[in-house]
Amino acid sequence: MSRHANITRGPAGWTVRILREGQLHSKYFRFSNGGIRKSLAQAQRWRDKKLSELGDRQWHKGPRKKATNNTSGMTGISKNVYGRWVATWQEDGVQRFKTFKFKKDAIEHRKSMLGIE
């Protein structure tokens, strides 16, 4: 963890913010309580104590849900401003795309480029 992770400097003090399971844990440390360096040390101690209490961050496991703005029903297939369907995929670390008149053609092409049957 970097030295100031979860800590931001404001005009009159340091703010520590930690988000876990949708709940925000935060505390403010004023510069007037011992100066900039002492208040930063207090903020770092509080942050470290709070992180040990809360435990490691839990990452989402399993497949992602379909995005709410996904109108095609498949990831990597979208419609451009000209009304054509666009298939996108990664090839050797470079994003590639190809446009089609019909959605089923775009889906078939994307699947073939990804090696999905």
PDB file of N, CA and C in Angstrom:
ATOM      1  N   MET A   1       0.850  -1.172   0.000  1.00  0.00           N
ATOM      2  CA  MET A   1       0.000   0.000   0.000  1.00  0.00           C
ATOM      3  C   MET A   1       0.895   1.234   0.000  1.00  0.00           C
ATOM      4  N   SER A   2       0.515   2.242  -0.777  1.00  0.00           N
ATOM      5  CA  SER A   2       1.315   3.455  -0.784  1.00  0.00           C
ATOM      6  C   SER A   2       1.151   4.190   0.544  1.00  0.00           C
ATOM      7  N   ARG A   3       2.041   5.094   0.783  1.00  0.00           N
ATOM      8  CA  ARG A   3       2.085   5.769   2.077  1.00  0.00           C
ATOM      9  C   ARG A   3       0.801   6.531   2.397  1.00  0.00           C
ATOM     10  N   HIS A   4       0.182   7.130   1.371  1.00  0.00           N
ATOM     11  CA  HIS A   4      -1.010   7.946   1.610  1.00  0.00           C
ATOM     12  C   HIS A   4      -2.271   7.338   1.007  1.00  0.00           C
ATOM     13  N   ALA A   5      -2.321   6.035   0.830  1.00  0.00           N
ATOM     14  CA  ALA A   5      -3.522   5.402   0.279  1.00  0.00           C
ATOM     15  C   ALA A   5      -4.692   5.637   1.232  1.00  0.00           C
ATOM     16  N   ASN A   6      -5.831   5.958   0.694  1.00  0.00           N
ATOM     17  CA  ASN A   6      -7.061   6.234   1.434  1.00  0.00           C
ATOM     18  C   ASN A   6      -7.005   7.541   2.222  1.00  0.00           C
ATOM     19  N   ILE A   7      -5.955   8.339   2.050  1.00  0.00           N
ATOM     20  CA  ILE A   7      -5.820   9.600   2.786  1.00  0.00           C
ATOM     21  C   ILE A   7      -5.709  10.732   1.772  1.00  0.00           C
ATOM     22  N   THR A   8      -6.558  11.757   1.936  1.00  0.00           N
ATOM     23  CA  THR A   8      -6.484  12.927   1.068  1.00  0.00           C
ATOM     24  C   THR A   8      -6.272  14.177   1.908  1.00  0.00           C
ATOM     25  N   ARG A   9      -5.560  15.131   1.330  1.00  0.00           N
ATOM     26  CA  ARG A   9      -5.269  16.379   2.033  1.00  0.00           C
ATOM     27  C   ARG A   9      -6.292  17.426   1.643  1.00  0.00           C
ATOM     28  N   GLY A  10      -6.863  18.071   2.627  1.00  0.00           N
ATOM     29  CA  GLY A  10      -7.790  19.167   2.404  1.00  0.00           C
ATOM     30  C   GLY A  10      -7.143  20.469   2.825  1.00  0.00           C
ATOM     31  N   PRO A  11      -7.878  21.581   2.781  1.00  0.00           N
ATOM     32  CA  PRO A  11      -7.295  22.877   3.136  1.00  0.00           C
ATOM     33  C   PRO A  11      -6.919  23.004   4.614  1.00  0.00           C
ATOM     34  N   ALA A  12      -7.577  22.232   5.474  1.00  0.00           N
ATOM     35  CA  ALA A  12      -7.312  22.366   6.913  1.00  0.00           C
ATOM     36  C   ALA A  12      -7.065  21.037   7.605  1.00  0.00           C
ATOM     37  N   GLY A  13      -6.893  19.953   6.830  1.00  0.00           N
ATOM     38  CA  GLY A  13      -6.649  18.677   7.485  1.00  0.00           C
ATOM     39  C   GLY A  13      -6.641  17.510   6.526  1.00  0.00           C
ATOM     40  N   TRP A  14      -6.454  16.330   7.087  1.00  0.00           N
ATOM     41  CA  TRP A  14      -6.412  15.079   6.333  1.00  0.00           C
ATOM     42  C   TRP A  14      -7.712  14.326   6.513  1.00  0.00           C
ATOM     43  N   THR A  15      -8.212  13.698   5.443  1.00  0.00           N
ATOM     44  CA  THR A  15      -9.417  12.885   5.514  1.00  0.00           C
ATOM     45  C   THR A  15      -9.047  11.456   5.140  1.00  0.00           C
ATOM     46  N   VAL A  16      -9.454  10.514   5.984  1.00  0.00           N
ATOM     47  CA  VAL A  16      -9.244   9.097   5.705  1.00  0.00           C
ATOM     48  C   VAL A  16     -10.598   8.519   5.321  1.00  0.00           C
ATOM     49  N   ARG A  17     -10.647   7.829   4.164  1.00  0.00           N
ATOM     50  CA  ARG A  17     -11.897   7.203   3.709  1.00  0.00           C
ATOM     51  C   ARG A  17     -11.615   5.769   3.302  1.00  0.00           C
ATOM     52  N   ILE A  18     -12.414   4.849   3.870  1.00  0.00           N
ATOM     53  CA  ILE A  18     -12.303   3.431   3.527  1.00  0.00           C
ATOM     54  C   ILE A  18     -13.710   2.928   3.254  1.00  0.00           C
ATOM     55  N   LEU A  19     -13.906   2.316   2.108  1.00  0.00           N
ATOM     56  CA  LEU A  19     -15.221   1.794   1.731  1.00  0.00           C
ATOM     57  C   LEU A  19     -15.176   0.270   1.771  1.00  0.00           C
ATOM     58  N   ARG A  20     -16.059  -0.337   2.550  1.00  0.00           N
ATOM     59  CA  ARG A  20     -16.150  -1.786   2.635  1.00  0.00           C
ATOM     60  C   ARG A  20     -17.624  -2.196   2.614  1.00  0.00           C
ATOM     61  N   GLU A  21     -17.950  -3.064   1.676  1.00  0.00           N
ATOM     62  CA  GLU A  21     -19.302  -3.613   1.543  1.00  0.00           C
ATOM     63  C   GLU A  21     -20.356  -2.515   1.524  1.00  0.00           C
ATOM     64  N   GLY A  22     -20.069  -1.445   0.791  1.00  0.00           N
ATOM     65  CA  GLY A  22     -21.026  -0.359   0.636  1.00  0.00           C
ATOM     66  C   GLY A  22     -21.085   0.600   1.807  1.00  0.00           C
ATOM     67  N   GLN A  23     -20.279   0.387   2.846  1.00  0.00           N
ATOM     68  CA  GLN A  23     -20.306   1.260   4.021  1.00  0.00           C
ATOM     69  C   GLN A  23     -19.017   2.081   4.070  1.00  0.00           C
ATOM     70  N   LEU A  24     -19.155   3.390   4.256  1.00  0.00           N
ATOM     71  CA  LEU A  24     -18.015   4.288   4.296  1.00  0.00           C
ATOM     72  C   LEU A  24     -17.553   4.468   5.734  1.00  0.00           C
ATOM     73  N   HIS A  25     -16.258   4.280   5.959  1.00  0.00           N
ATOM     74  CA  HIS A  25     -15.626   4.536   7.248  1.00  0.00           C
ATOM     75  C   HIS A  25     -14.682   5.706   7.019  1.00  0.00           C
ATOM     76  N   SER A  26     -14.915   6.835   7.699  1.00  0.00           N
ATOM     77  CA  SER A  26     -14.077   8.003   7.460  1.00  0.00           C
ATOM     78  C   SER A  26     -13.834   8.768   8.755  1.00  0.00           C
ATOM     79  N   LYS A  27     -12.739   9.505   8.766  1.00  0.00           N
ATOM     80  CA  LYS A  27     -12.409  10.344   9.915  1.00  0.00           C
ATOM     81  C   LYS A  27     -11.558  11.501   9.414  1.00  0.00           C
ATOM     82  N   TYR A  28     -11.705  12.660  10.055  1.00  0.00           N
ATOM     83  CA  TYR A  28     -11.000  13.875   9.664  1.00  0.00           C
ATOM     84  C   TYR A  28      -9.973  14.231  10.732  1.00  0.00           C
ATOM     85  N   PHE A  29      -8.767  14.600  10.320  1.00  0.00           N
ATOM     86  CA  PHE A  29      -7.686  14.955  11.224  1.00  0.00           C
ATOM     87  C   PHE A  29      -7.213  16.367  10.881  1.00  0.00           C
ATOM     88  N   ARG A  30      -7.485  17.319  11.780  1.00  0.00           N
ATOM     89  CA  ARG A  30      -7.160  18.731  11.555  1.00  0.00           C
ATOM     90  C   ARG A  30      -5.665  18.999  11.714  1.00  0.00           C
ATOM     91  N   PHE A  31      -5.160  19.936  10.899  1.00  0.00           N
ATOM     92  CA  PHE A  31      -3.777  20.366  11.028  1.00  0.00           C
ATOM     93  C   PHE A  31      -3.539  21.055  12.372  1.00  0.00           C
ATOM     94  N   SER A  32      -4.576  21.672  12.925  1.00  0.00           N
ATOM     95  CA  SER A  32      -4.435  22.410  14.186  1.00  0.00           C
ATOM     96  C   SER A  32      -4.173  21.478  15.376  1.00  0.00           C
ATOM     97  N   ASN A  33      -4.341  20.193  15.191  1.00  0.00           N
ATOM     98  CA  ASN A  33      -4.055  19.228  16.265  1.00  0.00           C
ATOM     99  C   ASN A  33      -2.618  18.730  16.156  1.00  0.00           C
ATOM    100  N   GLY A  34      -1.632  19.646  16.287  1.00  0.00           N
ATOM    101  CA  GLY A  34      -0.235  19.233  16.293  1.00  0.00           C
ATOM    102  C   GLY A  34       0.513  19.514  15.015  1.00  0.00           C
ATOM    103  N   GLY A  35      -0.111  20.063  14.001  1.00  0.00           N
ATOM    104  CA  GLY A  35       0.582  20.386  12.764  1.00  0.00           C
ATOM    105  C   GLY A  35       0.314  19.372  11.670  1.00  0.00           C
ATOM    106  N   ILE A  36       0.844  19.641  10.483  1.00  0.00           N
ATOM    107  CA  ILE A  36       0.582  18.818   9.304  1.00  0.00           C
ATOM    108  C   ILE A  36       1.145  17.414   9.469  1.00  0.00           C
ATOM    109  N   ARG A  37       2.410  17.309   9.892  1.00  0.00           N
ATOM    110  CA  ARG A  37       3.051  15.991   9.993  1.00  0.00           C
ATOM    111  C   ARG A  37       2.426  15.123  11.078  1.00  0.00           C
ATOM    112  N   LYS A  38       2.152  15.730  12.247  1.00  0.00           N
ATOM    113  CA  LYS A  38       1.572  14.936  13.344  1.00  0.00           C
ATOM    114  C   LYS A  38       0.152  14.485  13.003  1.00  0.00           C
ATOM    115  N   SER A  39      -0.617  15.362  12.355  1.00  0.00           N
ATOM    116  CA  SER A  39      -1.976  14.970  11.987  1.00  0.00           C
ATOM    117  C   SER A  39      -1.951  13.887  10.909  1.00  0.00           C
ATOM    118  N   LEU A  40      -0.968  13.933   9.987  1.00  0.00           N
ATOM    119  CA  LEU A  40      -0.827  12.871   8.994  1.00  0.00           C
ATOM    120  C   LEU A  40      -0.470  11.552   9.665  1.00  0.00           C
ATOM    121  N   ALA A  41       0.429  11.587  10.636  1.00  0.00           N
ATOM    122  CA  ALA A  41       0.796  10.361  11.363  1.00  0.00           C
ATOM    123  C   ALA A  41      -0.417   9.793  12.087  1.00  0.00           C
ATOM    124  N   GLN A  42      -1.235  10.647  12.687  1.00  0.00           N
ATOM    125  CA  GLN A  42      -2.456  10.192  13.352  1.00  0.00           C
ATOM    126  C   GLN A  42      -3.409   9.552  12.342  1.00  0.00           C
ATOM    127  N   ALA A  43      -3.542  10.187  11.184  1.00  0.00           N
ATOM    128  CA  ALA A  43      -4.432   9.657  10.147  1.00  0.00           C
ATOM    129  C   ALA A  43      -3.944   8.297   9.664  1.00  0.00           C
ATOM    130  N   GLN A  44      -2.638   8.139   9.475  1.00  0.00           N
ATOM    131  CA  GLN A  44      -2.090   6.861   9.028  1.00  0.00           C
ATOM    132  C   GLN A  44      -2.294   5.773  10.076  1.00  0.00           C
ATOM    133  N   ARG A  45      -2.092   6.113  11.360  1.00  0.00           N
ATOM    134  CA  ARG A  45      -2.326   5.121  12.429  1.00  0.00           C
ATOM    135  C   ARG A  45      -3.788   4.689  12.463  1.00  0.00           C
ATOM    136  N   TRP A  46      -4.715   5.667  12.345  1.00  0.00           N
ATOM    137  CA  TRP A  46      -6.142   5.334  12.365  1.00  0.00           C
ATOM    138  C   TRP A  46      -6.506   4.454  11.172  1.00  0.00           C
ATOM    139  N   ARG A  47      -5.969   4.826   9.990  1.00  0.00           N
ATOM    140  CA  ARG A  47      -6.226   4.040   8.782  1.00  0.00           C
ATOM    141  C   ARG A  47      -5.730   2.609   8.937  1.00  0.00           C
ATOM    142  N   ASP A  48      -4.511   2.435   9.415  1.00  0.00           N
ATOM    143  CA  ASP A  48      -3.947   1.097   9.569  1.00  0.00           C
ATOM    144  C   ASP A  48      -4.744   0.264  10.577  1.00  0.00           C
ATOM    145  N   LYS A  49      -5.161   0.888  11.677  1.00  0.00           N
ATOM    146  CA  LYS A  49      -5.973   0.188  12.683  1.00  0.00           C
ATOM    147  C   LYS A  49      -7.319  -0.215  12.087  1.00  0.00           C
ATOM    148  N   LYS A  50      -7.941   0.698  11.358  1.00  0.00           N
ATOM    149  CA  LYS A  50      -9.255   0.422  10.764  1.00  0.00           C
ATOM    150  C   LYS A  50      -9.157  -0.681   9.709  1.00  0.00           C
ATOM    151  N   LEU A  51      -8.104  -0.654   8.892  1.00  0.00           N
ATOM    152  CA  LEU A  51      -7.929  -1.697   7.882  1.00  0.00           C
ATOM    153  C   LEU A  51      -7.719  -3.065   8.518  1.00  0.00           C
ATOM    154  N   SER A  52      -7.010  -3.115   9.651  1.00  0.00           N
ATOM    155  CA  SER A  52      -6.817  -4.407  10.314  1.00  0.00           C
ATOM    156  C   SER A  52      -8.122  -4.899  10.924  1.00  0.00           C
ATOM    157  N   GLU A  53      -8.964  -3.978  11.399  1.00  0.00           N
ATOM    158  CA  GLU A  53     -10.279  -4.363  11.934  1.00  0.00           C
ATOM    159  C   GLU A  53     -11.204  -4.886  10.832  1.00  0.00           C
ATOM    160  N   LEU A  54     -11.197  -4.178   9.693  1.00  0.00           N
ATOM    161  CA  LEU A  54     -12.115  -4.524   8.604  1.00  0.00           C
ATOM    162  C   LEU A  54     -11.655  -5.748   7.813  1.00  0.00           C
ATOM    163  N   GLY A  55     -10.370  -6.028   7.820  1.00  0.00           N
ATOM    164  CA  GLY A  55      -9.856  -7.166   7.066  1.00  0.00           C
ATOM    165  C   GLY A  55      -9.613  -6.819   5.608  1.00  0.00           C
ATOM    166  N   ASP A  56      -9.169  -7.825   4.862  1.00  0.00           N
ATOM    167  CA  ASP A  56      -8.860  -7.622   3.452  1.00  0.00           C
ATOM    168  C   ASP A  56     -10.116  -7.331   2.653  1.00  0.00           C
ATOM    169  N   ARG A  57      -9.930  -6.608   1.578  1.00  0.00           N
ATOM    170  CA  ARG A  57     -11.034  -6.277   0.681  1.00  0.00           C
ATOM    171  C   ARG A  57     -11.485  -7.536  -0.052  1.00  0.00           C
ATOM    172  N   GLN A  58     -12.781  -7.745  -0.141  1.00  0.00           N
ATOM    173  CA  GLN A  58     -13.340  -8.904  -0.818  1.00  0.00           C
ATOM    174  C   GLN A  58     -13.658  -8.539  -2.251  1.00  0.00           C
ATOM    175  N   TRP A  59     -13.086  -9.286  -3.175  1.00  0.00           N
ATOM    176  CA  TRP A  59     -13.323  -9.029  -4.586  1.00  0.00           C
ATOM    177  C   TRP A  59     -14.443  -9.919  -5.091  1.00  0.00           C
ATOM    178  N   HIS A  60     -15.177  -9.413  -6.060  1.00  0.00           N
ATOM    179  CA  HIS A  60     -16.291 -10.151  -6.649  1.00  0.00           C
ATOM    180  C   HIS A  60     -15.757 -11.381  -7.383  1.00  0.00           C
ATOM    181  N   LYS A  61     -16.386 -12.507  -7.154  1.00  0.00           N
ATOM    182  CA  LYS A  61     -15.972 -13.734  -7.830  1.00  0.00           C
ATOM    183  C   LYS A  61     -17.077 -14.173  -8.782  1.00  0.00           C
ATOM    184  N   GLY A  62     -16.685 -14.858  -9.842  1.00  0.00           N
ATOM    185  CA  GLY A  62     -17.662 -15.379 -10.789  1.00  0.00           C
ATOM    186  C   GLY A  62     -17.855 -14.449 -11.969  1.00  0.00           C
ATOM    187  N   PRO A  63     -18.735 -14.823 -12.868  1.00  0.00           N
ATOM    188  CA  PRO A  63     -18.927 -14.028 -14.082  1.00  0.00           C
ATOM    189  C   PRO A  63     -19.596 -12.690 -13.771  1.00  0.00           C
ATOM    190  N   ARG A  64     -19.286 -11.724 -14.591  1.00  0.00           N
ATOM    191  CA  ARG A  64     -19.901 -10.409 -14.435  1.00  0.00           C
ATOM    192  C   ARG A  64     -21.318 -10.433 -14.988  1.00  0.00           C
ATOM    193  N   LYS A  65     -22.128  -9.540 -14.446  1.00  0.00           N
ATOM    194  CA  LYS A  65     -23.474  -9.390 -14.973  1.00  0.00           C
ATOM    195  C   LYS A  65     -23.407  -8.605 -16.274  1.00  0.00           C
ATOM    196  N   LYS A  66     -24.412  -8.801 -17.100  1.00  0.00           N
ATOM    197  CA  LYS A  66     -24.503  -8.026 -18.332  1.00  0.00           C
ATOM    198  C   LYS A  66     -24.736  -6.560 -17.963  1.00  0.00           C
ATOM    199  N   ALA A  67     -24.026  -5.673 -18.611  1.00  0.00           N
ATOM    200  CA  ALA A  67     -24.174  -4.244 -18.332  1.00  0.00           C
ATOM    201  C   ALA A  67     -25.598  -3.789 -18.630  1.00  0.00           C
ATOM    202  N   THR A  68     -26.084  -2.841 -17.873  1.00  0.00           N
ATOM    203  CA  THR A  68     -27.468  -2.380 -18.051  1.00  0.00           C
ATOM    204  C   THR A  68     -27.668  -1.660 -19.377  1.00  0.00           C
ATOM    205  N   ASN A  69     -26.597  -1.114 -19.945  1.00  0.00           N
ATOM    206  CA  ASN A  69     -26.733  -0.414 -21.221  1.00  0.00           C
ATOM    207  C   ASN A  69     -26.416  -1.317 -22.409  1.00  0.00           C
ATOM    208  N   ASN A  70     -26.324  -2.619 -22.184  1.00  0.00           N
ATOM    209  CA  ASN A  70     -26.026  -3.574 -23.251  1.00  0.00           C
ATOM    210  C   ASN A  70     -27.327  -3.912 -23.973  1.00  0.00           C
ATOM    211  N   THR A  71     -27.485  -3.405 -25.198  1.00  0.00           N
ATOM    212  CA  THR A  71     -28.718  -3.627 -25.953  1.00  0.00           C
ATOM    213  C   THR A  71     -28.623  -4.826 -26.880  1.00  0.00           C
ATOM    214  N   SER A  72     -27.402  -5.296 -27.120  1.00  0.00           N
ATOM    215  CA  SER A  72     -27.244  -6.413 -28.057  1.00  0.00           C
ATOM    216  C   SER A  72     -27.440  -7.757 -27.376  1.00  0.00           C
ATOM    217  N   GLY A  73     -27.221  -7.810 -26.063  1.00  0.00           N
ATOM    218  CA  GLY A  73     -27.334  -9.070 -25.349  1.00  0.00           C
ATOM    219  C   GLY A  73     -26.023  -9.834 -25.265  1.00  0.00           C
ATOM    220  N   MET A  74     -24.959  -9.313 -25.885  1.00  0.00           N
ATOM    221  CA  MET A  74     -23.657  -9.973 -25.827  1.00  0.00           C
ATOM    222  C   MET A  74     -22.572  -8.920 -25.646  1.00  0.00           C
ATOM    223  N   THR A  75     -21.620  -9.217 -24.766  1.00  0.00           N
ATOM    224  CA  THR A  75     -20.499  -8.314 -24.550  1.00  0.00           C
ATOM    225  C   THR A  75     -19.675  -8.213 -25.830  1.00  0.00           C
ATOM    226  N   GLY A  76     -19.257  -7.005 -26.184  1.00  0.00           N
ATOM    227  CA  GLY A  76     -18.422  -6.804 -27.358  1.00  0.00           C
ATOM    228  C   GLY A  76     -19.185  -6.549 -28.639  1.00  0.00           C
ATOM    229  N   ILE A  77     -20.500  -6.509 -28.556  1.00  0.00           N
ATOM    230  CA  ILE A  77     -21.342  -6.223 -29.727  1.00  0.00           C
ATOM    231  C   ILE A  77     -22.136  -4.964 -29.417  1.00  0.00           C
ATOM    232  N   SER A  78     -22.037  -3.971 -30.309  1.00  0.00           N
ATOM    233  CA  SER A  78     -22.776  -2.731 -30.087  1.00  0.00           C
ATOM    234  C   SER A  78     -23.204  -2.153 -31.432  1.00  0.00           C
ATOM    235  N   LYS A  79     -24.031  -1.124 -31.355  1.00  0.00           N
ATOM    236  CA  LYS A  79     -24.500  -0.449 -32.554  1.00  0.00           C
ATOM    237  C   LYS A  79     -23.822   0.905 -32.638  1.00  0.00           C
ATOM    238  N   ASN A  80     -23.306   1.263 -33.813  1.00  0.00           N
ATOM    239  CA  ASN A  80     -22.653   2.565 -33.948  1.00  0.00           C
ATOM    240  C   ASN A  80     -23.671   3.631 -34.349  1.00  0.00           C
ATOM    241  N   VAL A  81     -23.198   4.861 -34.525  1.00  0.00           N
ATOM    242  CA  VAL A  81     -24.091   5.983 -34.826  1.00  0.00           C
ATOM    243  C   VAL A  81     -24.720   5.869 -36.207  1.00  0.00           C
ATOM    244  N   TYR A  82     -24.175   5.017 -37.066  1.00  0.00           N
ATOM    245  CA  TYR A  82     -24.717   4.833 -38.408  1.00  0.00           C
ATOM    246  C   TYR A  82     -25.716   3.681 -38.482  1.00  0.00           C
ATOM    247  N   GLY A  83     -26.007   3.070 -37.340  1.00  0.00           N
ATOM    248  CA  GLY A  83     -26.982   1.988 -37.309  1.00  0.00           C
ATOM    249  C   GLY A  83     -26.404   0.627 -37.670  1.00  0.00           C
ATOM    250  N   ARG A  84     -25.084   0.518 -37.773  1.00  0.00           N
ATOM    251  CA  ARG A  84     -24.450  -0.764 -38.088  1.00  0.00           C
ATOM    252  C   ARG A  84     -23.969  -1.411 -36.804  1.00  0.00           C
ATOM    253  N   TRP A  85     -23.906  -2.754 -36.808  1.00  0.00           N
ATOM    254  CA  TRP A  85     -23.465  -3.513 -35.640  1.00  0.00           C
ATOM    255  C   TRP A  85     -21.954  -3.650 -35.668  1.00  0.00           C
ATOM    256  N   VAL A  86     -21.319  -3.453 -34.504  1.00  0.00           N
ATOM    257  CA  VAL A  86     -19.859  -3.483 -34.390  1.00  0.00           C
ATOM    258  C   VAL A  86     -19.454  -4.621 -33.461  1.00  0.00           C
ATOM    259  N   ALA A  87     -18.570  -5.483 -33.946  1.00  0.00           N
ATOM    260  CA  ALA A  87     -17.995  -6.539 -33.120  1.00  0.00           C
ATOM    261  C   ALA A  87     -16.596  -6.093 -32.713  1.00  0.00           C
ATOM    262  N   THR A  88     -16.274  -6.150 -31.397  1.00  0.00           N
ATOM    263  CA  THR A  88     -14.944  -5.780 -30.920  1.00  0.00           C
ATOM    264  C   THR A  88     -14.327  -6.952 -30.179  1.00  0.00           C
ATOM    265  N   TRP A  89     -12.999  -7.059 -30.253  1.00  0.00           N
ATOM    266  CA  TRP A  89     -12.269  -8.118 -29.567  1.00  0.00           C
ATOM    267  C   TRP A  89     -10.816  -7.682 -29.418  1.00  0.00           C
ATOM    268  N   GLN A  90     -10.068  -8.401 -28.586  1.00  0.00           N
ATOM    269  CA  GLN A  90      -8.649  -8.128 -28.386  1.00  0.00           C
ATOM    270  C   GLN A  90      -7.821  -9.120 -29.192  1.00  0.00           C
ATOM    271  N   GLU A  91      -6.793  -8.628 -29.857  1.00  0.00           N
ATOM    272  CA  GLU A  91      -5.908  -9.480 -30.642  1.00  0.00           C
ATOM    273  C   GLU A  91      -4.475  -9.024 -30.395  1.00  0.00           C
ATOM    274  N   ASP A  92      -3.695  -9.839 -29.715  1.00  0.00           N
ATOM    275  CA  ASP A  92      -2.304  -9.508 -29.367  1.00  0.00           C
ATOM    276  C   ASP A  92      -2.217  -8.185 -28.611  1.00  0.00           C
ATOM    277  N   GLY A  93      -3.149  -7.967 -27.677  1.00  0.00           N
ATOM    278  CA  GLY A  93      -3.138  -6.755 -26.864  1.00  0.00           C
ATOM    279  C   GLY A  93      -3.668  -5.518 -27.550  1.00  0.00           C
ATOM    280  N   VAL A  94      -4.170  -5.666 -28.775  1.00  0.00           N
ATOM    281  CA  VAL A  94      -4.705  -4.527 -29.526  1.00  0.00           C
ATOM    282  C   VAL A  94      -6.198  -4.746 -29.747  1.00  0.00           C
ATOM    283  N   GLN A  95      -6.995  -3.708 -29.492  1.00  0.00           N
ATOM    284  CA  GLN A  95      -8.428  -3.833 -29.705  1.00  0.00           C
ATOM    285  C   GLN A  95      -8.735  -3.735 -31.197  1.00  0.00           C
ATOM    286  N   ARG A  96      -9.485  -4.687 -31.696  1.00  0.00           N
ATOM    287  CA  ARG A  96      -9.886  -4.744 -33.103  1.00  0.00           C
ATOM    288  C   ARG A  96     -11.400  -4.624 -33.195  1.00  0.00           C
ATOM    289  N   PHE A  97     -11.895  -4.221 -34.352  1.00  0.00           N
ATOM    290  CA  PHE A  97     -13.342  -4.164 -34.555  1.00  0.00           C
ATOM    291  C   PHE A  97     -13.673  -4.371 -36.022  1.00  0.00           C
ATOM    292  N   LYS A  98     -14.910  -4.762 -36.270  1.00  0.00           N
ATOM    293  CA  LYS A  98     -15.416  -4.912 -37.622  1.00  0.00           C
ATOM    294  C   LYS A  98     -16.909  -4.613 -37.584  1.00  0.00           C
ATOM    295  N   THR A  99     -17.422  -3.942 -38.612  1.00  0.00           N
ATOM    296  CA  THR A  99     -18.832  -3.580 -38.642  1.00  0.00           C
ATOM    297  C   THR A  99     -19.618  -4.510 -39.555  1.00  0.00           C
ATOM    298  N   PHE A 100     -20.898  -4.680 -39.203  1.00  0.00           N
ATOM    299  CA  PHE A 100     -21.798  -5.565 -39.946  1.00  0.00           C
ATOM    300  C   PHE A 100     -23.161  -4.911 -40.056  1.00  0.00           C
ATOM    301  N   LYS A 101     -23.904  -5.328 -41.069  1.00  0.00           N
ATOM    302  CA  LYS A 101     -25.263  -4.833 -41.256  1.00  0.00           C
ATOM    303  C   LYS A 101     -26.219  -5.516 -40.288  1.00  0.00           C
ATOM    304  N   PHE A 102     -25.971  -6.810 -40.000  1.00  0.00           N
ATOM    305  CA  PHE A 102     -26.877  -7.578 -39.145  1.00  0.00           C
ATOM    306  C   PHE A 102     -26.182  -7.984 -37.846  1.00  0.00           C
ATOM    307  N   LYS A 103     -26.951  -7.975 -36.758  1.00  0.00           N
ATOM    308  CA  LYS A 103     -26.419  -8.314 -35.447  1.00  0.00           C
ATOM    309  C   LYS A 103     -25.895  -9.739 -35.393  1.00  0.00           C
ATOM    310  N   LYS A 104     -26.620 -10.697 -36.011  1.00  0.00           N
ATOM    311  CA  LYS A 104     -26.193 -12.099 -35.944  1.00  0.00           C
ATOM    312  C   LYS A 104     -24.834 -12.299 -36.609  1.00  0.00           C
ATOM    313  N   ASP A 105     -24.558 -11.536 -37.665  1.00  0.00           N
ATOM    314  CA  ASP A 105     -23.253 -11.630 -38.318  1.00  0.00           C
ATOM    315  C   ASP A 105     -22.136 -11.113 -37.403  1.00  0.00           C
ATOM    316  N   ALA A 106     -22.413 -10.031 -36.687  1.00  0.00           N
ATOM    317  CA  ALA A 106     -21.429  -9.476 -35.758  1.00  0.00           C
ATOM    318  C   ALA A 106     -21.150 -10.452 -34.625  1.00  0.00           C
ATOM    319  N   ILE A 107     -22.202 -11.077 -34.099  1.00  0.00           N
ATOM    320  CA  ILE A 107     -22.036 -12.057 -33.017  1.00  0.00           C
ATOM    321  C   ILE A 107     -21.229 -13.251 -33.496  1.00  0.00           C
ATOM    322  N   GLU A 108     -21.546 -13.776 -34.668  1.00  0.00           N
ATOM    323  CA  GLU A 108     -20.812 -14.912 -35.220  1.00  0.00           C
ATOM    324  C   GLU A 108     -19.333 -14.572 -35.414  1.00  0.00           C
ATOM    325  N   HIS A 109     -19.067 -13.369 -35.925  1.00  0.00           N
ATOM    326  CA  HIS A 109     -17.677 -12.971 -36.161  1.00  0.00           C
ATOM    327  C   HIS A 109     -16.914 -12.847 -34.843  1.00  0.00           C
ATOM    328  N   ARG A 110     -17.518 -12.216 -33.848  1.00  0.00           N
ATOM    329  CA  ARG A 110     -16.853 -12.070 -32.550  1.00  0.00           C
ATOM    330  C   ARG A 110     -16.551 -13.430 -31.948  1.00  0.00           C
ATOM    331  N   LYS A 111     -17.537 -14.334 -31.991  1.00  0.00           N
ATOM    332  CA  LYS A 111     -17.313 -15.683 -31.444  1.00  0.00           C
ATOM    333  C   LYS A 111     -16.179 -16.389 -32.172  1.00  0.00           C
ATOM    334  N   SER A 112     -16.122 -16.243 -33.488  1.00  0.00           N
ATOM    335  CA  SER A 112     -15.048 -16.909 -34.246  1.00  0.00           C
ATOM    336  C   SER A 112     -13.685 -16.303 -33.910  1.00  0.00           C
ATOM    337  N   MET A 113     -13.631 -15.000 -33.677  1.00  0.00           N
ATOM    338  CA  MET A 113     -12.363 -14.370 -33.327  1.00  0.00           C
ATOM    339  C   MET A 113     -11.900 -14.741 -31.924  1.00  0.00           C
ATOM    340  N   LEU A 114     -12.842 -15.024 -31.029  1.00  0.00           N
ATOM    341  CA  LEU A 114     -12.498 -15.431 -29.667  1.00  0.00           C
ATOM    342  C   LEU A 114     -12.325 -16.933 -29.528  1.00  0.00           C
ATOM    343  N   GLY A 115     -12.696 -17.681 -30.573  1.00  0.00           N
ATOM    344  CA  GLY A 115     -12.595 -19.132 -30.516  1.00  0.00           C
ATOM    345  C   GLY A 115     -13.716 -19.781 -29.734  1.00  0.00           C
ATOM    346  N   ILE A 116     -14.872 -19.108 -29.687  1.00  0.00           N
ATOM    347  CA  ILE A 116     -16.056 -19.621 -28.971  1.00  0.00           C
ATOM    348  C   ILE A 116     -16.991 -20.260 -29.991  1.00  0.00           C
ATOM    349  N   GLU A 117     -17.524 -21.382 -29.647  1.00  0.00           N
ATOM    350  CA  GLU A 117     -18.489 -22.053 -30.558  1.00  0.00           C
ATOM    351  C   GLU A 117     -19.891 -21.854 -30.061  1.00  0.00           C
TER     352      GLU A 117
END
